[in-house]
PDB file of N, CA and C in Angstrom:
ATOM      1  N   MET A   1      69.138 141.897 133.089  1.00  0.00           N
ATOM      2  CA  MET A   1      68.937 142.872 132.074  1.00  0.00           C
ATOM      3  C   MET A   1      69.732 142.443 130.846  1.00  0.00           C
ATOM      4  N   TYR A   2      69.256 142.819 129.707  1.00  0.00           N
ATOM      5  CA  TYR A   2      69.928 142.513 128.442  1.00  0.00           C
ATOM      6  C   TYR A   2      70.506 143.798 127.879  1.00  0.00           C
ATOM      7  N   LEU A   3      71.771 143.748 127.468  1.00  0.00           N
ATOM      8  CA  LEU A   3      72.470 144.940 126.998  1.00  0.00           C
ATOM      9  C   LEU A   3      73.238 144.663 125.714  1.00  0.00           C
ATOM     10  N   HIS A   4      73.617 145.741 125.063  1.00  0.00           N
ATOM     11  CA  HIS A   4      74.510 145.672 123.909  1.00  0.00           C
ATOM     12  C   HIS A   4      75.914 145.969 124.406  1.00  0.00           C
ATOM     13  N   GLY A   5      76.850 145.063 124.113  1.00  0.00           N
ATOM     14  CA  GLY A   5      78.218 145.238 124.570  1.00  0.00           C
ATOM     15  C   GLY A   5      78.888 146.479 124.017  1.00  0.00           C
ATOM     16  N   ASP A   6      78.542 146.879 122.792  1.00  0.00           N
ATOM     17  CA  ASP A   6      79.176 148.046 122.181  1.00  0.00           C
ATOM     18  C   ASP A   6      78.604 149.361 122.695  1.00  0.00           C
ATOM     19  N   ASP A   7      77.352 149.335 123.172  1.00  0.00           N
ATOM     20  CA  ASP A   7      76.711 150.549 123.691  1.00  0.00           C
ATOM     21  C   ASP A   7      75.568 150.131 124.616  1.00  0.00           C
ATOM     22  N   PRO A   8      75.799 150.061 125.919  1.00  0.00           N
ATOM     23  CA  PRO A   8      74.762 149.613 126.854  1.00  0.00           C
ATOM     24  C   PRO A   8      73.494 150.469 126.859  1.00  0.00           C
ATOM     25  N   THR A   9      73.563 151.685 126.316  1.00  0.00           N
ATOM     26  CA  THR A   9      72.380 152.545 126.294  1.00  0.00           C
ATOM     27  C   THR A   9      71.500 152.294 125.074  1.00  0.00           C
ATOM     28  N   ARG A  10      72.009 151.550 124.097  1.00  0.00           N
ATOM     29  CA  ARG A  10      71.245 151.283 122.867  1.00  0.00           C
ATOM     30  C   ARG A  10      70.051 150.392 123.181  1.00  0.00           C
ATOM     31  N   SER A  11      68.892 150.717 122.604  1.00  0.00           N
ATOM     32  CA  SER A  11      67.671 149.955 122.868  1.00  0.00           C
ATOM     33  C   SER A  11      67.124 149.257 121.624  1.00  0.00           C
ATOM     34  N   THR A  12      67.850 149.286 120.520  1.00  0.00           N
ATOM     35  CA  THR A  12      67.395 148.628 119.302  1.00  0.00           C
ATOM     36  C   THR A  12      68.285 147.425 118.997  1.00  0.00           C
ATOM     37  N   GLY A  13      67.737 146.478 118.252  1.00  0.00           N
ATOM     38  CA  GLY A  13      68.514 145.303 117.871  1.00  0.00           C
ATOM     39  C   GLY A  13      68.539 144.241 118.959  1.00  0.00           C
ATOM     40  N   SER A  14      69.247 143.179 118.684  1.00  0.00           N
ATOM     41  CA  SER A  14      69.318 142.031 119.591  1.00  0.00           C
ATOM     42  C   SER A  14      70.492 142.182 120.560  1.00  0.00           C
ATOM     43  N   PRO A  15      70.238 142.261 121.872  1.00  0.00           N
ATOM     44  CA  PRO A  15      71.328 142.413 122.841  1.00  0.00           C
ATOM     45  C   PRO A  15      72.248 141.198 122.843  1.00  0.00           C
ATOM     46  N   ASP A  16      73.520 141.424 123.182  1.00  0.00           N
ATOM     47  CA  ASP A  16      74.471 140.318 123.184  1.00  0.00           C
ATOM     48  C   ASP A  16      75.034 139.995 124.566  1.00  0.00           C
ATOM     49  N   ILE A  17      74.612 140.735 125.593  1.00  0.00           N
ATOM     50  CA  ILE A  17      75.068 140.514 126.963  1.00  0.00           C
ATOM     51  C   ILE A  17      73.849 140.400 127.879  1.00  0.00           C
ATOM     52  N   VAL A  18      73.925 139.505 128.846  1.00  0.00           N
ATOM     53  CA  VAL A  18      72.878 139.394 129.862  1.00  0.00           C
ATOM     54  C   VAL A  18      73.530 139.544 131.231  1.00  0.00           C
ATOM     55  N   LEU A  19      72.898 140.345 132.097  1.00  0.00           N
ATOM     56  CA  LEU A  19      73.363 140.562 133.465  1.00  0.00           C
ATOM     57  C   LEU A  19      72.231 140.252 134.424  1.00  0.00           C
ATOM     58  N   ALA A  20      72.574 139.671 135.563  1.00  0.00           N
ATOM     59  CA  ALA A  20      71.570 139.384 136.588  1.00  0.00           C
ATOM     60  C   ALA A  20      72.207 139.563 137.953  1.00  0.00           C
ATOM     61  N   CYS A  21      71.410 139.970 138.900  1.00  0.00           N
ATOM     62  CA  CYS A  21      71.853 140.092 140.283  1.00  0.00           C
ATOM     63  C   CYS A  21      70.872 139.294 141.131  1.00  0.00           C
ATOM     64  N   VAL A  22      71.382 138.373 141.906  1.00  0.00           N
ATOM     65  CA  VAL A  22      70.531 137.556 142.774  1.00  0.00           C
ATOM     66  C   VAL A  22      71.004 137.702 144.209  1.00  0.00           C
ATOM     67  N   VAL A  23      70.093 137.546 145.163  1.00  0.00           N
ATOM     68  CA  VAL A  23      70.434 137.740 146.571  1.00  0.00           C
ATOM     69  C   VAL A  23      71.008 136.488 147.212  1.00  0.00           C
ATOM     70  N   VAL A  24      71.195 135.449 146.438  1.00  0.00           N
ATOM     71  CA  VAL A  24      71.792 134.224 146.949  1.00  0.00           C
ATOM     72  C   VAL A  24      73.304 134.309 146.731  1.00  0.00           C
ATOM     73  N   PRO A  25      74.100 134.267 147.809  1.00  0.00           N
ATOM     74  CA  PRO A  25      75.544 134.322 147.620  1.00  0.00           C
ATOM     75  C   PRO A  25      76.073 133.055 146.986  1.00  0.00           C
ATOM     76  N   SER A  26      77.076 133.207 146.169  1.00  0.00           N
ATOM     77  CA  SER A  26      77.701 132.083 145.486  1.00  0.00           C
ATOM     78  C   SER A  26      79.204 132.176 145.683  1.00  0.00           C
ATOM     79  N   SER A  27      79.864 131.035 145.701  1.00  0.00           N
ATOM     80  CA  SER A  27      81.317 131.059 145.825  1.00  0.00           C
ATOM     81  C   SER A  27      81.915 129.920 145.024  1.00  0.00           C
ATOM     82  N   ALA A  28      83.176 130.044 144.736  1.00  0.00           N
ATOM     83  CA  ALA A  28      83.896 129.020 143.982  1.00  0.00           C
ATOM     84  C   ALA A  28      84.093 127.782 144.849  1.00  0.00           C
ATOM     85  N   GLU A  29      84.283 126.668 144.189  1.00  0.00           N
ATOM     86  CA  GLU A  29      84.517 125.412 144.889  1.00  0.00           C
ATOM     87  C   GLU A  29      85.717 125.572 145.826  1.00  0.00           C
ATOM     88  N   GLY A  30      85.585 125.088 147.040  1.00  0.00           N
ATOM     89  CA  GLY A  30      86.651 125.177 148.018  1.00  0.00           C
ATOM     90  C   GLY A  30      86.571 126.404 148.911  1.00  0.00           C
ATOM     91  N   LEU A  31      85.685 127.344 148.582  1.00  0.00           N
ATOM     92  CA  LEU A  31      85.491 128.535 149.404  1.00  0.00           C
ATOM     93  C   LEU A  31      84.138 128.456 150.091  1.00  0.00           C
ATOM     94  N   ASN A  32      84.048 128.998 151.271  1.00  0.00           N
ATOM     95  CA  ASN A  32      82.780 129.017 151.993  1.00  0.00           C
ATOM     96  C   ASN A  32      81.943 130.192 151.517  1.00  0.00           C
ATOM     97  N   ALA A  33      80.692 129.924 151.194  1.00  0.00           N
ATOM     98  CA  ALA A  33      79.786 130.998 150.786  1.00  0.00           C
ATOM     99  C   ALA A  33      79.383 131.800 152.013  1.00  0.00           C
ATOM    100  N   PRO A  34      79.218 133.111 151.863  1.00  0.00           N
ATOM    101  CA  PRO A  34      78.753 133.918 152.994  1.00  0.00           C
ATOM    102  C   PRO A  34      77.328 133.522 153.371  1.00  0.00           C
ATOM    103  N   PRO A  35      76.888 133.827 154.563  1.00  0.00           N
ATOM    104  CA  PRO A  35      75.531 133.482 154.977  1.00  0.00           C
ATOM    105  C   PRO A  35      74.481 134.143 154.076  1.00  0.00           C
ATOM    106  N   TYR A  36      73.382 133.434 153.878  1.00  0.00           N
ATOM    107  CA  TYR A  36      72.273 133.963 153.075  1.00  0.00           C
ATOM    108  C   TYR A  36      71.835 135.309 153.652  1.00  0.00           C
ATOM    109  N   GLY A  37      71.616 136.281 152.774  1.00  0.00           N
ATOM    110  CA  GLY A  37      71.181 137.607 153.186  1.00  0.00           C
ATOM    111  C   GLY A  37      72.315 138.575 153.453  1.00  0.00           C
ATOM    112  N   SER A  38      73.559 138.090 153.431  1.00  0.00           N
ATOM    113  CA  SER A  38      74.685 138.971 153.712  1.00  0.00           C
ATOM    114  C   SER A  38      75.475 139.354 152.464  1.00  0.00           C
ATOM    115  N   ALA A  39      75.099 138.806 151.319  1.00  0.00           N
ATOM    116  CA  ALA A  39      75.834 139.073 150.085  1.00  0.00           C
ATOM    117  C   ALA A  39      74.917 138.841 148.894  1.00  0.00           C
ATOM    118  N   PHE A  40      75.415 139.139 147.725  1.00  0.00           N
ATOM    119  CA  PHE A  40      74.665 138.882 146.499  1.00  0.00           C
ATOM    120  C   PHE A  40      75.631 138.378 145.443  1.00  0.00           C
ATOM    121  N   THR A  41      75.080 137.868 144.352  1.00  0.00           N
ATOM    122  CA  THR A  41      75.882 137.348 143.250  1.00  0.00           C
ATOM    123  C   THR A  41      75.485 138.065 141.970  1.00  0.00           C
ATOM    124  N   ILE A  42      76.456 138.510 141.210  1.00  0.00           N
ATOM    125  CA  ILE A  42      76.204 139.107 139.901  1.00  0.00           C
ATOM    126  C   ILE A  42      76.603 138.080 138.845  1.00  0.00           C
ATOM    127  N   LEU A  43      75.683 137.782 137.971  1.00  0.00           N
ATOM    128  CA  LEU A  43      75.898 136.812 136.903  1.00  0.00           C
ATOM    129  C   LEU A  43      75.928 137.541 135.569  1.00  0.00           C
ATOM    130  N   CYS A  44      76.742 137.086 134.647  1.00  0.00           N
ATOM    131  CA  CYS A  44      76.765 137.683 133.317  1.00  0.00           C
ATOM    132  C   CYS A  44      77.041 136.603 132.281  1.00  0.00           C
ATOM    133  N   GLY A  45      76.639 136.874 131.059  1.00  0.00           N
ATOM    134  CA  GLY A  45      76.845 135.907 130.003  1.00  0.00           C
ATOM    135  C   GLY A  45      76.659 136.509 128.629  1.00  0.00           C
ATOM    136  N   VAL A  46      77.001 135.719 127.633  1.00  0.00           N
ATOM    137  CA  VAL A  46      76.860 136.079 126.222  1.00  0.00           C
ATOM    138  C   VAL A  46      75.546 135.461 125.733  1.00  0.00           C
ATOM    139  N   THR A  47      74.672 136.270 125.148  1.00  0.00           N
ATOM    140  CA  THR A  47      73.354 135.763 124.746  1.00  0.00           C
ATOM    141  C   THR A  47      73.377 134.930 123.461  1.00  0.00           C
ATOM    142  N   HIS A  48      74.341 135.159 122.597  1.00  0.00           N
ATOM    143  CA  HIS A  48      74.435 134.417 121.340  1.00  0.00           C
ATOM    144  C   HIS A  48      75.849 133.855 121.186  1.00  0.00           C
ATOM    145  N   PRO A  49      76.241 132.902 122.036  1.00  0.00           N
ATOM    146  CA  PRO A  49      77.613 132.400 121.969  1.00  0.00           C
ATOM    147  C   PRO A  49      77.878 131.615 120.688  1.00  0.00           C
ATOM    148  N   THR A  50      79.122 131.677 120.237  1.00  0.00           N
ATOM    149  CA  THR A  50      79.527 130.870 119.082  1.00  0.00           C
ATOM    150  C   THR A  50      80.316 129.637 119.532  1.00  0.00           C
ATOM    151  N   SER A  51      80.744 129.613 120.802  1.00  0.00           N
ATOM    152  CA  SER A  51      81.407 128.421 121.342  1.00  0.00           C
ATOM    153  C   SER A  51      80.384 127.299 121.441  1.00  0.00           C
ATOM    154  N   ARG A  52      80.826 126.093 121.196  1.00  0.00           N
ATOM    155  CA  ARG A  52      79.929 124.938 121.257  1.00  0.00           C
ATOM    156  C   ARG A  52      80.519 123.876 122.163  1.00  0.00           C
ATOM    157  N   GLY A  53      79.759 123.485 123.153  1.00  0.00           N
ATOM    158  CA  GLY A  53      80.187 122.441 124.066  1.00  0.00           C
ATOM    159  C   GLY A  53      79.740 121.073 123.570  1.00  0.00           C
ATOM    160  N   ARG A  54      79.895 120.087 124.472  1.00  0.00           N
ATOM    161  CA  ARG A  54      79.450 118.752 124.095  1.00  0.00           C
ATOM    162  C   ARG A  54      79.041 117.991 125.340  1.00  0.00           C
ATOM    163  N   ILE A  55      78.151 117.057 125.138  1.00  0.00           N
ATOM    164  CA  ILE A  55      77.699 116.137 126.171  1.00  0.00           C
ATOM    165  C   ILE A  55      77.945 114.738 125.646  1.00  0.00           C
ATOM    166  N   ALA A  56      78.566 113.888 126.464  1.00  0.00           N
ATOM    167  CA  ALA A  56      78.874 112.517 126.039  1.00  0.00           C
ATOM    168  C   ALA A  56      78.551 111.560 127.190  1.00  0.00           C
ATOM    169  N   PRO A  57      78.185 110.342 126.858  1.00  0.00           N
ATOM    170  CA  PRO A  57      77.953 109.363 127.920  1.00  0.00           C
ATOM    171  C   PRO A  57      79.264 109.026 128.628  1.00  0.00           C
ATOM    172  N   SER A  58      79.188 108.743 129.936  1.00  0.00           N
ATOM    173  CA  SER A  58      80.388 108.370 130.682  1.00  0.00           C
ATOM    174  C   SER A  58      80.484 106.863 130.879  1.00  0.00           C
ATOM    175  N   GLY A  59      79.445 106.166 130.494  1.00  0.00           N
ATOM    176  CA  GLY A  59      79.428 104.713 130.624  1.00  0.00           C
ATOM    177  C   GLY A  59      78.207 104.133 129.946  1.00  0.00           C
ATOM    178  N   PRO A  60      78.062 102.819 130.010  1.00  0.00           N
ATOM    179  CA  PRO A  60      76.974 102.160 129.290  1.00  0.00           C
ATOM    180  C   PRO A  60      75.618 102.228 129.995  1.00  0.00           C
ATOM    181  N   GLY A  61      75.607 102.521 131.291  1.00  0.00           N
ATOM    182  CA  GLY A  61      74.348 102.505 132.036  1.00  0.00           C
ATOM    183  C   GLY A  61      73.556 103.783 131.902  1.00  0.00           C
ATOM    184  N   ARG A  62      72.242 103.656 131.988  1.00  0.00           N
ATOM    185  CA  ARG A  62      71.405 104.845 131.852  1.00  0.00           C
ATOM    186  C   ARG A  62      71.541 105.773 133.058  1.00  0.00           C
ATOM    187  N   ASN A  63      72.035 105.300 134.175  1.00  0.00           N
ATOM    188  CA  ASN A  63      72.243 106.128 135.359  1.00  0.00           C
ATOM    189  C   ASN A  63      73.659 106.687 135.450  1.00  0.00           C
ATOM    190  N   ASP A  64      74.513 106.375 134.476  1.00  0.00           N
ATOM    191  CA  ASP A  64      75.857 106.941 134.446  1.00  0.00           C
ATOM    192  C   ASP A  64      75.753 108.440 134.171  1.00  0.00           C
ATOM    193  N   VAL A  65      76.444 109.228 134.965  1.00  0.00           N
ATOM    194  CA  VAL A  65      76.408 110.681 134.824  1.00  0.00           C
ATOM    195  C   VAL A  65      77.100 111.081 133.523  1.00  0.00           C
ATOM    196  N   PRO A  66      76.472 111.932 132.702  1.00  0.00           N
ATOM    197  CA  PRO A  66      77.105 112.330 131.443  1.00  0.00           C
ATOM    198  C   PRO A  66      78.322 113.216 131.683  1.00  0.00           C
ATOM    199  N   VAL A  67      79.231 113.205 130.730  1.00  0.00           N
ATOM    200  CA  VAL A  67      80.379 114.105 130.743  1.00  0.00           C
ATOM    201  C   VAL A  67      79.946 115.368 130.006  1.00  0.00           C
ATOM    202  N   ILE A  68      79.991 116.492 130.702  1.00  0.00           N
ATOM    203  CA  ILE A  68      79.557 117.767 130.122  1.00  0.00           C
ATOM    204  C   ILE A  68      80.764 118.693 130.038  1.00  0.00           C
ATOM    205  N   ASP A  69      81.081 119.134 128.842  1.00  0.00           N
ATOM    206  CA  ASP A  69      82.163 120.084 128.626  1.00  0.00           C
ATOM    207  C   ASP A  69      81.578 121.281 127.884  1.00  0.00           C
ATOM    208  N   PRO A  70      81.272 122.377 128.591  1.00  0.00           N
ATOM    209  CA  PRO A  70      80.564 123.492 127.953  1.00  0.00           C
ATOM    210  C   PRO A  70      81.397 124.326 126.987  1.00  0.00           C
ATOM    211  N   HIS A  71      82.719 124.235 127.062  1.00  0.00           N
ATOM    212  CA  HIS A  71      83.612 125.028 126.196  1.00  0.00           C
ATOM    213  C   HIS A  71      83.283 126.515 126.274  1.00  0.00           C
ATOM    214  N   TYR A  72      83.000 127.004 127.488  1.00  0.00           N
ATOM    215  CA  TYR A  72      82.717 128.433 127.653  1.00  0.00           C
ATOM    216  C   TYR A  72      83.850 129.283 127.104  1.00  0.00           C
ATOM    217  N   LEU A  73      83.499 130.354 126.422  1.00  0.00           N
ATOM    218  CA  LEU A  73      84.441 131.355 125.919  1.00  0.00           C
ATOM    219  C   LEU A  73      85.559 130.760 125.070  1.00  0.00           C
ATOM    220  N   GLU A  74      85.250 129.733 124.312  1.00  0.00           N
ATOM    221  CA  GLU A  74      86.254 129.086 123.473  1.00  0.00           C
ATOM    222  C   GLU A  74      86.596 129.904 122.231  1.00  0.00           C
ATOM    223  N   THR A  75      85.631 130.657 121.713  1.00  0.00           N
ATOM    224  CA  THR A  75      85.888 131.420 120.491  1.00  0.00           C
ATOM    225  C   THR A  75      86.285 132.862 120.809  1.00  0.00           C
ATOM    226  N   GLU A  76      87.004 133.474 119.907  1.00  0.00           N
ATOM    227  CA  GLU A  76      87.402 134.870 120.074  1.00  0.00           C
ATOM    228  C   GLU A  76      86.176 135.775 120.168  1.00  0.00           C
ATOM    229  N   HIS A  77      85.153 135.478 119.390  1.00  0.00           N
ATOM    230  CA  HIS A  77      83.908 136.262 119.440  1.00  0.00           C
ATOM    231  C   HIS A  77      83.335 136.287 120.852  1.00  0.00           C
ATOM    232  N   ASP A  78      83.245 135.136 121.471  1.00  0.00           N
ATOM    233  CA  ASP A  78      82.671 135.051 122.826  1.00  0.00           C
ATOM    234  C   ASP A  78      83.556 135.771 123.849  1.00  0.00           C
ATOM    235  N   ARG A  79      84.859 135.594 123.744  1.00  0.00           N
ATOM    236  CA  ARG A  79      85.764 136.272 124.674  1.00  0.00           C
ATOM    237  C   ARG A  79      85.673 137.792 124.517  1.00  0.00           C
ATOM    238  N   ALA A  80      85.622 138.271 123.298  1.00  0.00           N
ATOM    239  CA  ALA A  80      85.538 139.718 123.054  1.00  0.00           C
ATOM    240  C   ALA A  80      84.197 140.276 123.539  1.00  0.00           C
ATOM    241  N   THR A  81      83.128 139.524 123.335  1.00  0.00           N
ATOM    242  CA  THR A  81      81.804 139.979 123.779  1.00  0.00           C
ATOM    243  C   THR A  81      81.720 139.988 125.290  1.00  0.00           C
ATOM    244  N   PHE A  82      82.314 139.004 125.939  1.00  0.00           N
ATOM    245  CA  PHE A  82      82.234 138.861 127.380  1.00  0.00           C
ATOM    246  C   PHE A  82      83.022 139.944 128.130  1.00  0.00           C
ATOM    247  N   THR A  83      84.082 140.457 127.517  1.00  0.00           N
ATOM    248  CA  THR A  83      84.928 141.413 128.245  1.00  0.00           C
ATOM    249  C   THR A  83      84.487 142.829 128.089  1.00  0.00           C
TER     250      THR A  83
END
């Protein structure tokens, strides 16, 4: 669902928050995820972030995995919108 951070009941204008609920459990690295069907995951994000990440090559080969640094929540705007 898409919402306005300042007033979730508002239905006009461009929403700045996105929420999703999926039935696939998710866990942080190093933790075991619960069995499928026994949990759910709630996802949230900023729809118009001002933080800017970068993608850079990690080596000269075309099969070298790129270095991805998303810079999530780097700006005050994004942090304030997310909370």
